[in-house]
């Protein structure tokens, strides 16, 4: 199976991750805006090359999962990092409130239908992690999920869902899917600024939702749910990276760099050609050169 590349933002799998100790700002001596943009440009070129090798190698797939509070920059980060990749080489899916059909299945079903094929990069903008994040903050949503039973002790339910996620991700890793998960860690103060910008700038009005402001009232509960979830589900074959998100340029540069470093570490290569096939190439070359 895969092993995550070490990085200052890697969430360890030993349960010691403390979200309160994580700054939402870039660290001291971080690259400036110009340098961050240059990093993204270079990573985009590398990612395009790596995706072509991923496709030709045809044994692995990559799944990128983005989770964050509203206005953290998921959409813009996905656009910035993947804009140079062949559109045929990746897929992006957004997961919002489950439909009635999706609620007729287990909570992993709807995302399982959207997993990337071998040779492709899949992107989940939100994911099955909503079922241990939003639903943990709003357990009343469970009443609509048609579960056989809802235990009185909801902690046992979250524990069972964490285990289901771990089993699911380990199964995918065994079968060639490398999962990289990004928590874009924006501060409550920065989120407020971005919401006000959406209200004040006509070109951003469409992004604003009154429900987003309502969810701010549950900020502490969300932070607790994120800390529990990242601690419970970060593993070498499906790691979480907690990225400071108050500075979008730095955030995008870090996400791009982490993706490229991990793909380079996967040991992919273009398929080798056998001597017999090379011999056929020589014959085909001669036929082409001898054409009138």
Protein backbone atom coordinates (compact mmCIF):
# COMPACT_ATOMS: atom_id res chain seq x y z
CA UNK A 1 0.00 0.00 0.00
CA UNK A 2 0.93 3.65 -0.22
CA UNK A 3 2.73 5.74 2.37
CA UNK A 4 2.12 9.45 2.74
CA UNK A 5 4.99 11.88 2.21
CA UNK A 6 5.99 13.54 5.48
CA UNK A 7 5.06 17.19 5.67
CA UNK A 8 4.64 19.76 8.48
CA UNK A 9 0.88 19.72 7.80
CA UNK A 10 0.50 15.94 7.87
CA UNK A 11 -1.95 14.79 10.56
CA UNK A 12 -0.29 11.93 12.49
CA UNK A 13 -2.26 8.74 12.86
CA UNK A 14 -1.56 8.41 16.58
CA UNK A 15 -4.46 10.51 17.89
CA UNK A 16 -2.29 13.42 19.02
CA UNK A 17 -3.52 16.01 16.49
CA UNK A 18 -4.59 19.20 18.29
CA UNK A 19 -6.55 21.57 16.08
CA UNK A 20 -6.26 24.37 18.64
CA UNK A 21 -2.49 24.26 18.21
CA UNK A 22 -2.71 24.67 14.43
CA UNK A 23 -2.38 28.19 13.09
CA UNK A 24 -4.68 29.23 10.26
CA UNK A 25 -1.94 31.61 9.06
CA UNK A 26 1.19 30.68 7.06
CA UNK A 27 4.24 29.97 9.21
CA UNK A 28 7.10 32.43 9.59
CA UNK A 29 9.40 32.59 6.56
CA UNK A 30 6.60 31.28 4.32
CA UNK A 31 6.91 32.17 0.61
CA UNK A 32 5.22 35.42 -0.39
CA UNK A 33 2.31 35.74 -2.81
CA UNK A 34 4.49 35.89 -5.92
CA UNK A 35 6.51 32.85 -4.83
CA UNK A 36 3.33 30.92 -3.98
CA UNK A 37 1.88 31.60 -7.42
CA UNK A 38 5.13 30.42 -9.00
CA UNK A 39 5.02 27.25 -6.89
CA UNK A 40 1.50 26.53 -8.06
CA UNK A 41 2.46 27.08 -11.71
CA UNK A 42 5.38 24.66 -11.41
CA UNK A 43 3.28 22.08 -9.59
CA UNK A 44 0.51 22.30 -12.19
CA UNK A 45 3.03 21.43 -14.92
CA UNK A 46 4.40 18.54 -12.87
CA UNK A 47 0.89 17.31 -12.08
CA UNK A 48 0.00 17.26 -15.77
CA UNK A 49 3.07 15.09 -16.47
CA UNK A 50 2.34 12.82 -13.51
CA UNK A 51 -1.28 12.38 -14.55
CA UNK A 52 -0.15 11.20 -17.98
CA UNK A 53 2.14 8.63 -16.35
CA UNK A 54 -0.72 7.62 -14.02
CA UNK A 55 -2.93 7.05 -17.08
CA UNK A 56 -0.27 5.12 -19.01
CA UNK A 57 0.73 3.05 -15.97
CA UNK A 58 -2.96 2.13 -15.55
CA UNK A 59 -2.62 0.36 -12.20
CA UNK A 60 -3.39 3.16 -9.73
CA UNK A 61 -5.92 5.90 -9.24
CA UNK A 62 -5.80 8.97 -7.00
CA UNK A 63 -8.64 10.38 -4.91
CA UNK A 64 -8.37 13.91 -3.53
CA UNK A 65 -10.83 14.79 -0.76
CA UNK A 66 -11.44 18.38 0.33
CA UNK A 67 -13.27 19.21 3.55
CA UNK A 68 -13.58 22.62 5.19
CA UNK A 69 -15.88 25.18 6.70
CA UNK A 70 -17.75 27.39 4.24
CA UNK A 71 -15.66 30.04 2.44
CA UNK A 72 -12.38 28.24 3.18
CA UNK A 73 -11.57 28.08 -0.54
CA UNK A 74 -12.26 24.51 -1.64
CA UNK A 75 -13.60 25.40 -5.09
CA UNK A 76 -10.89 27.92 -5.93
CA UNK A 77 -8.15 25.57 -4.73
CA UNK A 78 -9.45 22.72 -6.88
CA UNK A 79 -9.59 25.05 -9.89
CA UNK A 80 -6.10 26.45 -9.28
CA UNK A 81 -4.38 23.11 -8.76
CA UNK A 82 -6.06 21.12 -11.55
CA UNK A 83 -6.50 23.77 -14.23
CA UNK A 84 -3.50 22.49 -16.23
CA UNK A 85 -4.41 18.81 -16.14
CA UNK A 86 -5.98 17.14 -19.17
CA UNK A 87 -9.76 17.29 -18.48
CA UNK A 88 -10.04 13.67 -19.61
CA UNK A 89 -7.71 12.72 -16.77
CA UNK A 90 -9.72 13.80 -13.75
CA UNK A 91 -13.26 14.14 -12.40
CA UNK A 92 -14.69 16.50 -9.78
CA UNK A 93 -17.81 15.68 -7.77
CA UNK A 94 -19.59 17.89 -5.24
CA UNK A 95 -21.56 16.20 -2.49
CA UNK A 96 -24.33 18.14 -0.78
CA UNK A 97 -27.50 17.02 1.01
CA UNK A 98 -28.22 13.34 0.22
CA UNK A 99 -31.13 12.63 -2.09
CA UNK A 100 -33.96 10.24 -1.23
CA UNK A 101 -32.35 7.59 -3.44
CA UNK A 102 -29.02 8.03 -1.67
CA UNK A 103 -30.70 7.74 1.72
CA UNK A 104 -32.00 4.34 0.65
CA UNK A 105 -28.38 3.11 0.82
CA UNK A 106 -25.56 3.12 3.37
CA UNK A 107 -23.67 6.39 3.82
CA UNK A 108 -20.71 5.26 1.68
CA UNK A 109 -22.81 4.26 -1.32
CA UNK A 110 -23.19 7.59 -3.10
CA UNK A 111 -19.46 8.36 -3.07
CA UNK A 112 -18.55 4.79 -4.05
CA UNK A 113 -20.42 5.41 -7.33
CA UNK A 114 -18.00 8.26 -8.11
CA UNK A 115 -14.63 6.69 -7.36
CA UNK A 116 -11.93 7.32 -10.00
CA UNK A 117 -11.04 4.62 -12.50
CA UNK A 118 -7.47 3.36 -12.74
CA UNK A 119 -5.30 5.97 -14.40
CA UNK A 120 -7.47 8.91 -13.33
CA UNK A 121 -7.61 11.50 -10.56
CA UNK A 122 -10.90 11.88 -8.73
CA UNK A 123 -11.78 14.93 -6.63
CA UNK A 124 -14.45 14.99 -3.92
CA UNK A 125 -15.58 18.46 -2.87
CA UNK A 126 -17.00 17.28 0.45
CA UNK A 127 -17.46 13.54 0.80
CA UNK A 128 -18.59 10.70 3.04
CA UNK A 129 -16.87 12.64 5.84
CA UNK A 130 -19.97 14.83 6.00
CA UNK A 131 -21.58 11.89 7.82
CA UNK A 132 -19.19 12.29 10.76
CA UNK A 133 -18.92 16.08 10.56
CA UNK A 134 -22.21 17.80 9.71
CA UNK A 135 -24.27 14.91 11.05
CA UNK A 136 -22.24 14.81 14.24
CA UNK A 137 -22.93 18.52 14.77
CA UNK A 138 -26.59 18.04 13.78
CA UNK A 139 -27.53 14.51 14.95
CA UNK A 140 -31.19 15.25 14.19
CA UNK A 141 -30.29 14.47 10.55
CA UNK A 142 -30.03 10.82 11.56
CA UNK A 143 -33.81 10.59 11.79
CA UNK A 144 -34.00 10.88 7.98
CA UNK A 145 -31.36 8.24 7.26
CA UNK A 146 -33.61 5.18 7.70
CA UNK A 147 -31.11 3.46 10.01
CA UNK A 148 -32.14 0.14 11.57
CA UNK A 149 -31.62 1.79 14.94
CA UNK A 150 -30.13 4.94 16.42
CA UNK A 151 -28.25 4.15 19.64
CA UNK A 152 -28.80 6.26 22.73
CA UNK A 153 -25.04 6.63 22.94
CA UNK A 154 -24.21 8.46 19.72
CA UNK A 155 -20.48 8.18 20.40
CA UNK A 156 -20.74 4.50 19.54
CA UNK A 157 -22.36 5.43 16.21
CA UNK A 158 -19.52 7.81 15.29
CA UNK A 159 -16.98 5.16 16.31
CA UNK A 160 -18.68 2.63 14.03
CA UNK A 161 -18.73 5.11 11.15
CA UNK A 162 -15.05 5.89 11.64
CA UNK A 163 -14.34 2.16 11.44
CA UNK A 164 -16.44 1.82 8.29
CA UNK A 165 -14.47 4.68 6.71
CA UNK A 166 -11.14 3.15 7.73
CA UNK A 167 -12.13 -0.23 6.29
CA UNK A 168 -13.40 1.42 3.10
CA UNK A 169 -10.22 3.45 2.58
CA UNK A 170 -7.93 0.53 3.35
CA UNK A 171 -9.82 -1.61 0.83
CA UNK A 172 -9.40 1.11 -1.80
CA UNK A 173 -5.69 1.46 -1.01
CA UNK A 174 -5.15 -2.30 -1.33
CA UNK A 175 -6.71 -2.10 -4.76
CA UNK A 176 -4.61 0.78 -6.02
CA UNK A 177 -6.37 3.98 -4.98
CA UNK A 178 -4.21 6.49 -3.14
CA UNK A 179 -6.39 8.85 -1.08
CA UNK A 180 -5.12 12.31 -0.10
CA UNK A 181 -7.40 14.27 2.23
CA UNK A 182 -7.17 18.01 2.82
CA UNK A 183 -8.74 19.96 5.68
CA UNK A 184 -8.56 23.64 4.74
CA UNK A 185 -8.25 25.26 8.15
CA UNK A 186 -9.78 28.73 7.96
CA UNK A 187 -10.31 30.91 11.05
CA UNK A 188 -13.72 32.14 12.16
CA UNK A 189 -12.50 35.73 11.74
CA UNK A 190 -11.36 35.14 8.15
CA UNK A 191 -14.61 33.38 7.31
CA UNK A 192 -16.50 36.45 8.56
CA UNK A 193 -14.44 38.70 6.25
CA UNK A 194 -15.17 36.47 3.27
CA UNK A 195 -18.90 36.35 4.03
CA UNK A 196 -19.00 40.15 4.26
CA UNK A 197 -17.15 40.34 0.94
CA UNK A 198 -19.83 38.16 -0.63
CA UNK A 199 -22.48 40.54 0.67
CA UNK A 200 -20.67 43.73 -0.32
CA UNK A 201 -19.48 42.79 -3.81
CA UNK A 202 -22.28 42.27 -6.37
CA UNK A 203 -20.15 39.81 -8.33
CA UNK A 204 -19.96 37.58 -5.26
CA UNK A 205 -23.57 37.85 -4.09
CA UNK A 206 -24.42 34.53 -5.71
CA UNK A 207 -21.97 32.76 -3.39
CA UNK A 208 -23.74 33.92 -0.25
CA UNK A 209 -26.15 31.67 1.63
CA UNK A 210 -27.97 32.64 4.80
CA UNK A 211 -27.53 29.07 5.97
CA UNK A 212 -23.76 29.56 6.05
CA UNK A 213 -24.14 32.28 8.68
CA UNK A 214 -26.42 30.05 10.72
CA UNK A 215 -23.78 27.32 10.72
CA UNK A 216 -21.25 29.76 12.19
CA UNK A 217 -23.19 29.49 15.45
CA UNK A 218 -21.94 25.90 15.69
CA UNK A 219 -18.29 26.73 15.05
CA UNK A 220 -16.92 25.16 18.24
CA UNK A 221 -18.90 21.96 17.66
CA UNK A 222 -17.53 21.73 14.13
CA UNK A 223 -13.95 22.20 15.32
CA UNK A 224 -14.43 19.44 17.86
CA UNK A 225 -15.88 17.15 15.17
CA UNK A 226 -13.00 17.90 12.80
CA UNK A 227 -10.39 17.17 15.45
CA UNK A 228 -12.01 13.85 16.36
CA UNK A 229 -12.44 12.86 12.73
CA UNK A 230 -8.91 13.72 11.60
CA UNK A 231 -7.42 11.89 14.57
CA UNK A 232 -9.57 8.83 13.95
CA UNK A 233 -9.05 8.53 10.20
CA UNK A 234 -5.58 9.77 9.19
CA UNK A 235 -3.52 6.81 8.03
CA UNK A 236 -0.37 6.47 5.87
CA UNK A 237 -2.41 5.09 2.93
CA UNK A 238 -5.15 7.74 3.33
CA UNK A 239 -3.57 10.70 5.16
CA UNK A 240 -5.12 13.96 6.26
CA UNK A 241 -3.25 17.22 5.76
CA UNK A 242 -4.43 20.22 7.78
CA UNK A 243 -3.59 23.28 5.67
CA UNK A 244 -3.64 26.89 6.98
CA UNK A 245 -6.34 28.54 4.86
CA UNK A 246 -6.47 32.22 5.87
CA UNK A 247 -4.02 33.00 3.04
CA UNK A 248 -5.38 31.46 -0.16
CA UNK A 249 -2.13 31.78 -2.13
CA UNK A 250 -0.17 29.87 0.50
CA UNK A 251 -2.93 27.29 0.90
CA UNK A 252 -3.05 26.53 -2.83
CA UNK A 253 0.73 26.26 -3.04
CA UNK A 254 0.85 23.78 -0.16
CA UNK A 255 -1.97 21.64 -1.54
CA UNK A 256 -0.36 21.55 -4.99
CA UNK A 257 3.06 20.70 -3.56
CA UNK A 258 1.69 17.90 -1.36
CA UNK A 259 -0.19 16.30 -4.26
CA UNK A 260 2.86 16.38 -6.55
CA UNK A 261 5.23 15.03 -3.87
CA UNK A 262 2.90 12.13 -3.09
CA UNK A 263 2.33 11.23 -6.74
CA UNK A 264 6.09 11.23 -7.36
CA UNK A 265 6.43 8.84 -4.43
CA UNK A 266 3.99 6.30 -5.91
CA UNK A 267 6.63 4.63 -8.06
CA UNK A 268 4.74 5.00 -11.34
CA UNK A 269 6.39 4.71 -14.74
CA UNK A 270 5.50 4.44 -18.39
CA UNK A 271 4.98 0.79 -19.44
CA UNK A 272 8.13 -0.91 -20.65
CA UNK A 273 8.24 -2.31 -24.19
CA UNK A 274 9.31 -5.94 -24.75
CA UNK A 275 11.94 -6.86 -27.34
CA UNK A 276 9.21 -8.52 -29.42
CA UNK A 277 7.16 -5.32 -29.45
CA UNK A 278 10.23 -3.25 -30.34
CA UNK A 279 10.82 -5.58 -33.27
CA UNK A 280 7.28 -4.89 -34.47
CA UNK A 281 7.96 -1.15 -34.11
CA UNK A 282 10.92 -1.50 -36.47
CA UNK A 283 8.73 -3.23 -39.06
CA UNK A 284 6.03 -0.57 -38.73
CA UNK A 285 8.64 2.17 -39.07
CA UNK A 286 9.91 0.62 -42.27
CA UNK A 287 6.37 0.37 -43.68
CA UNK A 288 5.69 4.01 -42.89
CA UNK A 289 8.97 5.20 -44.37
CA UNK A 290 8.42 3.16 -47.55
CA UNK A 291 5.01 4.68 -48.22
CA UNK A 292 4.77 6.41 -51.57
